[in-house]
Amino acid sequence: MTQAGWPARALRSYTTRRLASAVLVVAGVVVATFVLLHIVPGDPAQTVLGEHATPAALVQLRHQWGLDSSLPTQFGRFVSNLVRGHLGASYFYHEPVTTLIGDRIGQSAALVAAATLFAVLISVPLAAIAASNHDRFPDHLVRGVSVVGLGMPSFWIGIVLIELLAVRLTLLPVGGWGTDLGTHLESLVLPGLTAALAIVPILVRSLRVGMLDVLGADFVAAARAKGLGETRVLYAHVARNALIPTLTLLGLNIAFLVGSTVIVEQVFALNGLGSLLLDSITNRDFPVVQAITLVLATSVVLINLATDLLAARLDPRIRLR
């Protein structure tokens, strides 16, 4: 095999192995979710019909939903439907699960995208300031703020931002989704900042360490000798070469954001997948919980895979064997 053909083949082999492991992870999540939902106390039929439902009505509804079958039979039916792309209908909302998820997934995806954007815009300048002022006051300040930020829960950050920017300064809406593109973007600022600030401390610390390692490299000294400004050196040379480890960490935290939107959506009254998931767990709506869990697990696996492949693409030193 030629040397030029090896990277492409290695990348294909690596991608194939990662996709295979991703399928196993998603399958494990599906099995675990199904089992946990059915062993936790609670009756979906009782939840839907109410506490005054007659025993005959409960038996009839359980039979209609197939809940009177054994767990292996129910699981086999679920997997069979899943292979055919049929996620079932909601017990509580009486709508196809795909319709419910389709109506809500846009808000969750927009929230994750906004949080990722804010996290990058905040982390890179802070890490650059800290690295360029190593062991001086700005560096200590950035590190101190990062340590404090690690201990702040998302819901508390959200409440503080609402109090300062929405209630007192009235700059942004308190919550909700809005009615058009402009109000949608406004409504994403506070929840996006809230979700971003939960991961910014981790990204800043990682990128700062990477930039400190790169600052002593010969090519940085050469760039300065050419007369390039310190800002251009930091962002065009240092940050770019220190980004690979932080990129992997960013991918992991984007995956974390996918799950953490449950809390943020509740704080800011967003009707995304997180809110739907919590409501469905409360209502014992098995099809919806299973479908959302599958969507979230698949999203996390694909984000991690895309991050690894991008890092391998950007850095030829990464071995894909």
Protein backbone atom coordinates (compact mmCIF):
# COMPACT_ATOMS: atom_id res chain seq x y z
CA MET A 1 0.00 0.00 0.00
CA THR A 2 1.26 3.44 -0.81
CA GLN A 3 1.97 5.89 1.95
CA ALA A 4 -0.59 8.29 0.47
CA GLY A 5 -3.33 5.65 0.58
CA TRP A 6 -2.79 4.69 4.22
CA PRO A 7 -4.44 7.71 5.93
CA ALA A 8 -7.65 7.36 3.93
CA ARG A 9 -7.88 3.63 4.63
CA ALA A 10 -7.04 4.14 8.29
CA LEU A 11 -9.72 6.79 8.56
CA ARG A 12 -12.32 4.48 6.97
CA SER A 13 -11.33 1.64 9.29
CA TYR A 14 -11.46 3.90 12.33
CA THR A 15 -14.86 5.28 11.29
CA THR A 16 -16.24 1.76 10.78
CA ARG A 17 -15.07 0.63 14.22
CA ARG A 18 -16.49 3.72 15.88
CA LEU A 19 -19.84 3.33 14.12
CA ALA A 20 -20.01 -0.31 15.24
CA SER A 21 -19.28 0.66 18.84
CA ALA A 22 -21.82 3.48 18.55
CA VAL A 23 -24.53 1.02 17.54
CA LEU A 24 -23.70 -1.13 20.57
CA VAL A 25 -23.86 1.89 22.89
CA VAL A 26 -27.23 3.00 21.52
CA ALA A 27 -28.55 -0.56 21.78
CA GLY A 28 -27.40 -0.74 25.40
CA VAL A 29 -29.16 2.54 26.18
CA VAL A 30 -32.36 1.27 24.57
CA VAL A 31 -32.32 -1.95 26.61
CA ALA A 32 -31.48 -0.15 29.87
CA THR A 33 -34.22 2.44 29.33
CA PHE A 34 -36.83 -0.21 28.56
CA VAL A 35 -35.95 -2.28 31.61
CA LEU A 36 -35.81 0.67 34.01
CA LEU A 37 -39.13 2.07 32.82
CA HIS A 38 -40.88 -1.24 33.41
CA ILE A 39 -39.39 -2.02 36.82
CA VAL A 40 -40.01 1.41 38.33
CA PRO A 41 -43.35 1.46 40.21
CA GLY A 42 -46.23 3.13 38.40
CA ASP A 43 -49.01 2.26 35.98
CA PRO A 44 -49.47 4.25 32.74
CA ALA A 45 -53.10 3.20 32.50
CA GLN A 46 -53.79 4.43 36.03
CA THR A 47 -52.03 7.73 35.26
CA VAL A 48 -54.09 8.36 32.12
CA LEU A 49 -57.50 7.23 33.46
CA GLY A 50 -57.07 8.69 36.94
CA GLU A 51 -57.35 7.23 40.40
CA HIS A 52 -61.11 6.71 40.11
CA ALA A 53 -60.88 4.43 37.05
CA THR A 54 -62.65 1.10 37.29
CA PRO A 55 -60.63 -2.14 37.29
CA ALA A 56 -62.30 -3.19 34.04
CA ALA A 57 -61.26 0.03 32.29
CA LEU A 58 -57.68 -0.38 33.52
CA VAL A 59 -57.50 -3.96 32.29
CA GLN A 60 -58.92 -2.98 28.89
CA LEU A 61 -56.45 -0.10 28.43
CA ARG A 62 -53.46 -2.21 29.50
CA HIS A 63 -54.51 -4.83 26.96
CA GLN A 64 -54.93 -2.18 24.26
CA TRP A 65 -51.37 -0.95 24.88
CA GLY A 66 -49.97 -4.45 25.22
CA LEU A 67 -48.86 -3.88 28.81
CA ASP A 68 -50.44 -7.14 29.95
CA SER A 69 -47.85 -9.12 27.96
CA SER A 70 -44.61 -10.37 29.43
CA LEU A 71 -41.56 -8.08 29.41
CA PRO A 72 -39.72 -10.14 26.75
CA THR A 73 -42.79 -9.97 24.51
CA GLN A 74 -43.11 -6.21 25.00
CA PHE A 75 -39.41 -5.71 24.33
CA GLY A 76 -39.54 -7.83 21.19
CA ARG A 77 -42.52 -5.82 19.94
CA PHE A 78 -40.68 -2.57 20.69
CA VAL A 79 -37.52 -3.65 18.84
CA SER A 80 -39.56 -4.91 15.89
CA ASN A 81 -41.36 -1.58 15.61
CA LEU A 82 -38.08 0.30 16.04
CA VAL A 83 -36.44 -1.58 13.16
CA ARG A 84 -39.38 -0.58 10.95
CA GLY A 85 -39.02 3.05 12.06
CA HIS A 86 -42.25 3.03 14.06
CA LEU A 87 -41.80 4.62 17.49
CA GLY A 88 -45.41 4.20 18.54
CA ALA A 89 -48.00 6.64 19.84
CA SER A 90 -48.01 8.56 23.09
CA TYR A 91 -50.17 7.19 25.88
CA PHE A 92 -50.79 10.65 27.28
CA TYR A 93 -50.87 12.99 24.27
CA HIS A 94 -52.54 10.49 21.88
CA GLU A 95 -50.22 11.54 19.05
CA PRO A 96 -47.48 9.74 17.14
CA VAL A 97 -44.19 9.97 19.00
CA THR A 98 -42.41 11.17 15.86
CA THR A 99 -44.81 14.12 15.66
CA LEU A 100 -44.19 15.09 19.28
CA ILE A 101 -40.42 14.88 18.88
CA GLY A 102 -40.50 16.73 15.56
CA ASP A 103 -42.39 19.61 17.16
CA ARG A 104 -39.93 19.91 20.06
CA ILE A 105 -36.51 18.96 18.72
CA GLY A 106 -35.94 22.31 17.00
CA GLN A 107 -35.89 24.24 20.27
CA SER A 108 -33.49 21.79 21.91
CA ALA A 109 -31.15 21.79 18.90
CA ALA A 110 -31.18 25.59 18.76
CA LEU A 111 -30.38 25.74 22.49
CA VAL A 112 -27.41 23.38 22.13
CA ALA A 113 -26.13 25.36 19.12
CA ALA A 114 -26.44 28.68 20.97
CA ALA A 115 -24.71 27.27 24.05
CA THR A 116 -21.85 25.91 21.92
CA LEU A 117 -21.40 29.25 20.19
CA PHE A 118 -21.37 31.19 23.47
CA ALA A 119 -18.97 28.68 25.02
CA VAL A 120 -16.44 29.13 22.21
CA LEU A 121 -16.79 32.92 22.11
CA ILE A 122 -16.18 33.14 25.86
CA SER A 123 -13.57 30.43 26.33
CA VAL A 124 -11.07 31.34 23.61
CA PRO A 125 -10.51 35.00 24.67
CA LEU A 126 -10.34 34.09 28.37
CA ALA A 127 -7.82 31.31 27.72
CA ALA A 128 -5.75 33.64 25.54
CA ILE A 129 -5.72 36.32 28.24
CA ALA A 130 -4.70 33.79 30.88
CA ALA A 131 -1.98 32.18 28.77
CA SER A 132 -0.45 35.47 27.63
CA ASN A 133 -0.32 36.71 31.24
CA HIS A 134 1.02 33.51 32.79
CA ASP A 135 1.27 33.72 36.59
CA ARG A 136 0.20 37.37 36.60
CA PHE A 137 -3.01 38.89 37.91
CA PRO A 138 -5.17 38.32 34.77
CA ASP A 139 -4.13 34.66 34.76
CA HIS A 140 -4.97 34.23 38.45
CA LEU A 141 -8.28 36.02 37.93
CA VAL A 142 -9.33 33.80 35.03
CA ARG A 143 -8.35 30.65 36.89
CA GLY A 144 -10.12 31.81 40.04
CA VAL A 145 -13.32 32.57 38.15
CA SER A 146 -13.08 29.16 36.45
CA VAL A 147 -12.81 27.37 39.78
CA VAL A 148 -15.82 29.25 41.13
CA GLY A 149 -17.77 28.56 37.95
CA LEU A 150 -17.23 24.82 38.28
CA GLY A 151 -19.23 24.81 41.48
CA MET A 152 -22.25 26.71 40.16
CA PRO A 153 -25.25 24.60 39.09
CA SER A 154 -26.98 25.52 35.84
CA PHE A 155 -30.34 26.34 37.39
CA TRP A 156 -28.70 28.84 39.78
CA ILE A 157 -26.80 30.52 36.92
CA GLY A 158 -30.05 30.74 34.98
CA ILE A 159 -31.93 32.35 37.87
CA VAL A 160 -29.14 34.92 38.37
CA LEU A 161 -29.12 35.82 34.67
CA ILE A 162 -32.90 36.17 34.67
CA GLU A 163 -32.76 38.46 37.69
CA LEU A 164 -30.00 40.67 36.26
CA LEU A 165 -30.66 40.82 32.52
CA ALA A 166 -34.39 40.14 32.27
CA VAL A 167 -35.99 41.48 35.46
CA ARG A 168 -33.77 44.41 36.44
CA LEU A 169 -32.33 45.56 33.13
CA THR A 170 -35.23 44.25 30.98
CA LEU A 171 -32.80 43.57 28.13
CA LEU A 172 -34.02 40.08 27.32
CA PRO A 173 -37.19 38.02 27.76
CA VAL A 174 -37.53 36.01 30.96
CA GLY A 175 -38.45 32.83 29.12
CA GLY A 176 -40.50 31.28 26.37
CA TRP A 177 -39.72 30.70 22.72
CA GLY A 178 -41.13 33.76 20.95
CA THR A 179 -43.20 33.96 17.79
CA ASP A 180 -40.77 34.82 14.97
CA LEU A 181 -37.08 34.56 14.13
CA GLY A 182 -36.12 37.71 16.02
CA THR A 183 -37.87 36.71 19.23
CA HIS A 184 -36.57 33.15 18.86
CA LEU A 185 -33.00 34.47 18.83
CA GLU A 186 -33.69 36.75 21.80
CA SER A 187 -35.20 33.89 23.77
CA LEU A 188 -32.08 31.78 23.17
CA VAL A 189 -29.60 34.26 24.65
CA LEU A 190 -30.23 33.63 28.35
CA PRO A 191 -30.65 29.84 28.18
CA GLY A 192 -27.71 29.61 25.78
CA LEU A 193 -25.51 31.60 28.18
CA THR A 194 -26.71 29.51 31.10
CA ALA A 195 -25.83 26.23 29.42
CA ALA A 196 -22.53 27.64 28.09
CA LEU A 197 -21.33 28.95 31.44
CA ALA A 198 -21.61 25.44 32.86
CA ILE A 199 -18.86 24.18 30.52
CA VAL A 200 -16.79 27.36 29.98
CA PRO A 201 -14.57 26.78 33.06
CA ILE A 202 -13.54 23.33 31.78
CA LEU A 203 -12.81 24.61 28.28
CA VAL A 204 -10.85 27.61 29.54
CA ARG A 205 -8.61 25.50 31.74
CA SER A 206 -7.93 23.00 28.96
CA LEU A 207 -7.24 25.62 26.28
CA ARG A 208 -5.06 27.68 28.63
CA VAL A 209 -2.81 24.68 29.33
CA GLY A 210 -2.60 23.90 25.62
CA MET A 211 -1.72 27.49 24.74
CA LEU A 212 0.98 27.63 27.41
CA ASP A 213 2.59 24.54 25.86
CA VAL A 214 2.51 26.08 22.37
CA LEU A 215 3.78 29.52 23.44
CA GLY A 216 7.30 28.15 23.85
CA ALA A 217 7.43 26.57 20.39
CA ASP A 218 9.93 27.73 17.76
CA PHE A 219 7.27 28.69 15.21
CA VAL A 220 5.75 31.13 17.73
CA ALA A 221 9.14 32.80 18.21
CA ALA A 222 9.51 32.94 14.42
CA ALA A 223 6.09 34.59 14.05
CA ARG A 224 7.04 37.23 16.59
CA ALA A 225 10.39 37.77 14.85
CA LYS A 226 8.49 38.53 11.63
CA GLY A 227 6.85 41.43 13.42
CA LEU A 228 3.37 39.92 13.84
CA GLY A 229 1.27 41.48 16.58
CA GLU A 230 0.74 39.59 19.82
CA THR A 231 -2.99 39.26 19.20
CA ARG A 232 -2.43 37.69 15.79
CA VAL A 233 0.22 35.38 17.21
CA LEU A 234 -2.14 34.25 19.97
CA TYR A 235 -5.17 33.60 17.84
CA ALA A 236 -3.70 32.63 14.45
CA HIS A 237 -0.81 30.49 15.68
CA VAL A 238 -1.05 29.60 19.37
CA ALA A 239 -4.80 29.04 19.74
CA ARG A 240 -5.04 27.17 16.45
CA ASN A 241 -2.34 24.67 17.38
CA ALA A 242 -3.60 24.27 20.96
CA LEU A 243 -7.15 23.64 19.86
CA ILE A 244 -7.03 19.88 19.20
CA PRO A 245 -7.26 18.65 22.83
CA THR A 246 -9.85 21.31 23.61
CA LEU A 247 -11.82 20.35 20.50
CA THR A 248 -12.19 16.81 21.84
CA LEU A 249 -13.22 18.20 25.21
CA LEU A 250 -15.69 20.55 23.51
CA GLY A 251 -17.27 17.60 21.74
CA LEU A 252 -17.70 15.75 25.02
CA ASN A 253 -19.27 18.82 26.58
CA ILE A 254 -21.60 19.37 23.64
CA ALA A 255 -22.77 15.84 24.30
CA PHE A 256 -23.20 16.87 27.94
CA LEU A 257 -25.24 19.90 26.81
CA VAL A 258 -27.64 17.59 24.98
CA GLY A 259 -28.58 16.02 28.31
CA SER A 260 -28.32 19.13 30.47
CA THR A 261 -30.91 21.01 28.41
CA VAL A 262 -33.54 19.25 30.53
CA ILE A 263 -32.83 21.59 33.45
CA VAL A 264 -32.25 24.71 31.35
CA GLU A 265 -35.48 24.24 29.43
CA GLN A 266 -37.41 23.99 32.69
CA VAL A 267 -35.86 27.21 34.03
CA PHE A 268 -36.62 29.20 30.86
CA ALA A 269 -39.96 27.57 29.97
CA LEU A 270 -38.77 26.17 26.65
CA ASN A 271 -40.86 23.38 25.15
CA GLY A 272 -37.99 21.25 23.92
CA LEU A 273 -37.19 17.57 24.28
CA GLY A 274 -36.03 18.07 27.87
CA SER A 275 -39.41 19.36 29.03
CA LEU A 276 -41.21 16.67 27.06
CA LEU A 277 -38.99 14.01 28.61
CA LEU A 278 -39.70 15.15 32.18
CA ASP A 279 -43.44 15.35 31.54
CA SER A 280 -43.44 11.92 29.93
CA ILE A 281 -41.56 10.37 32.85
CA THR A 282 -44.11 11.85 35.24
CA ASN A 283 -46.98 10.57 33.10
CA ARG A 284 -45.34 7.13 32.66
CA ASP A 285 -45.56 7.63 28.90
CA PHE A 286 -43.31 4.72 27.90
CA PRO A 287 -43.19 5.26 24.11
CA VAL A 288 -42.20 8.93 24.41
CA VAL A 289 -39.54 8.31 27.06
CA GLN A 290 -38.01 5.47 25.06
CA ALA A 291 -38.01 7.49 21.84
CA ILE A 292 -36.48 10.63 23.38
CA THR A 293 -33.83 8.56 25.15
CA LEU A 294 -32.98 6.94 21.82
CA VAL A 295 -32.73 10.33 20.11
CA LEU A 296 -30.52 11.79 22.86
CA ALA A 297 -28.27 8.73 23.00
CA THR A 298 -27.85 8.72 19.23
CA SER A 299 -27.07 12.45 19.25
CA VAL A 300 -24.41 12.05 21.93
CA VAL A 301 -22.76 9.14 20.11
CA LEU A 302 -22.75 10.97 16.76
CA ILE A 303 -21.35 14.15 18.32
CA ASN A 304 -18.50 12.22 19.93
CA LEU A 305 -17.81 10.40 16.67
CA ALA A 306 -17.81 13.63 14.66
CA THR A 307 -15.46 15.24 17.18
CA ASP A 308 -12.98 12.38 17.01
CA LEU A 309 -13.02 12.34 13.21
CA LEU A 310 -12.58 16.11 13.01
CA ALA A 311 -9.67 16.00 15.44
CA ALA A 312 -8.05 13.24 13.38
CA ARG A 313 -8.62 15.27 10.25
CA LEU A 314 -7.05 18.41 11.71
CA ASP A 315 -4.10 16.73 13.38
CA PRO A 316 -2.18 14.18 11.27
CA ARG A 317 -0.26 13.09 14.39
CA ILE A 318 -3.35 11.28 15.67
CA ARG A 319 -2.98 7.57 14.96
CA LEU A 320 -6.14 5.89 13.66
CA ARG A 321 -4.87 2.31 13.77
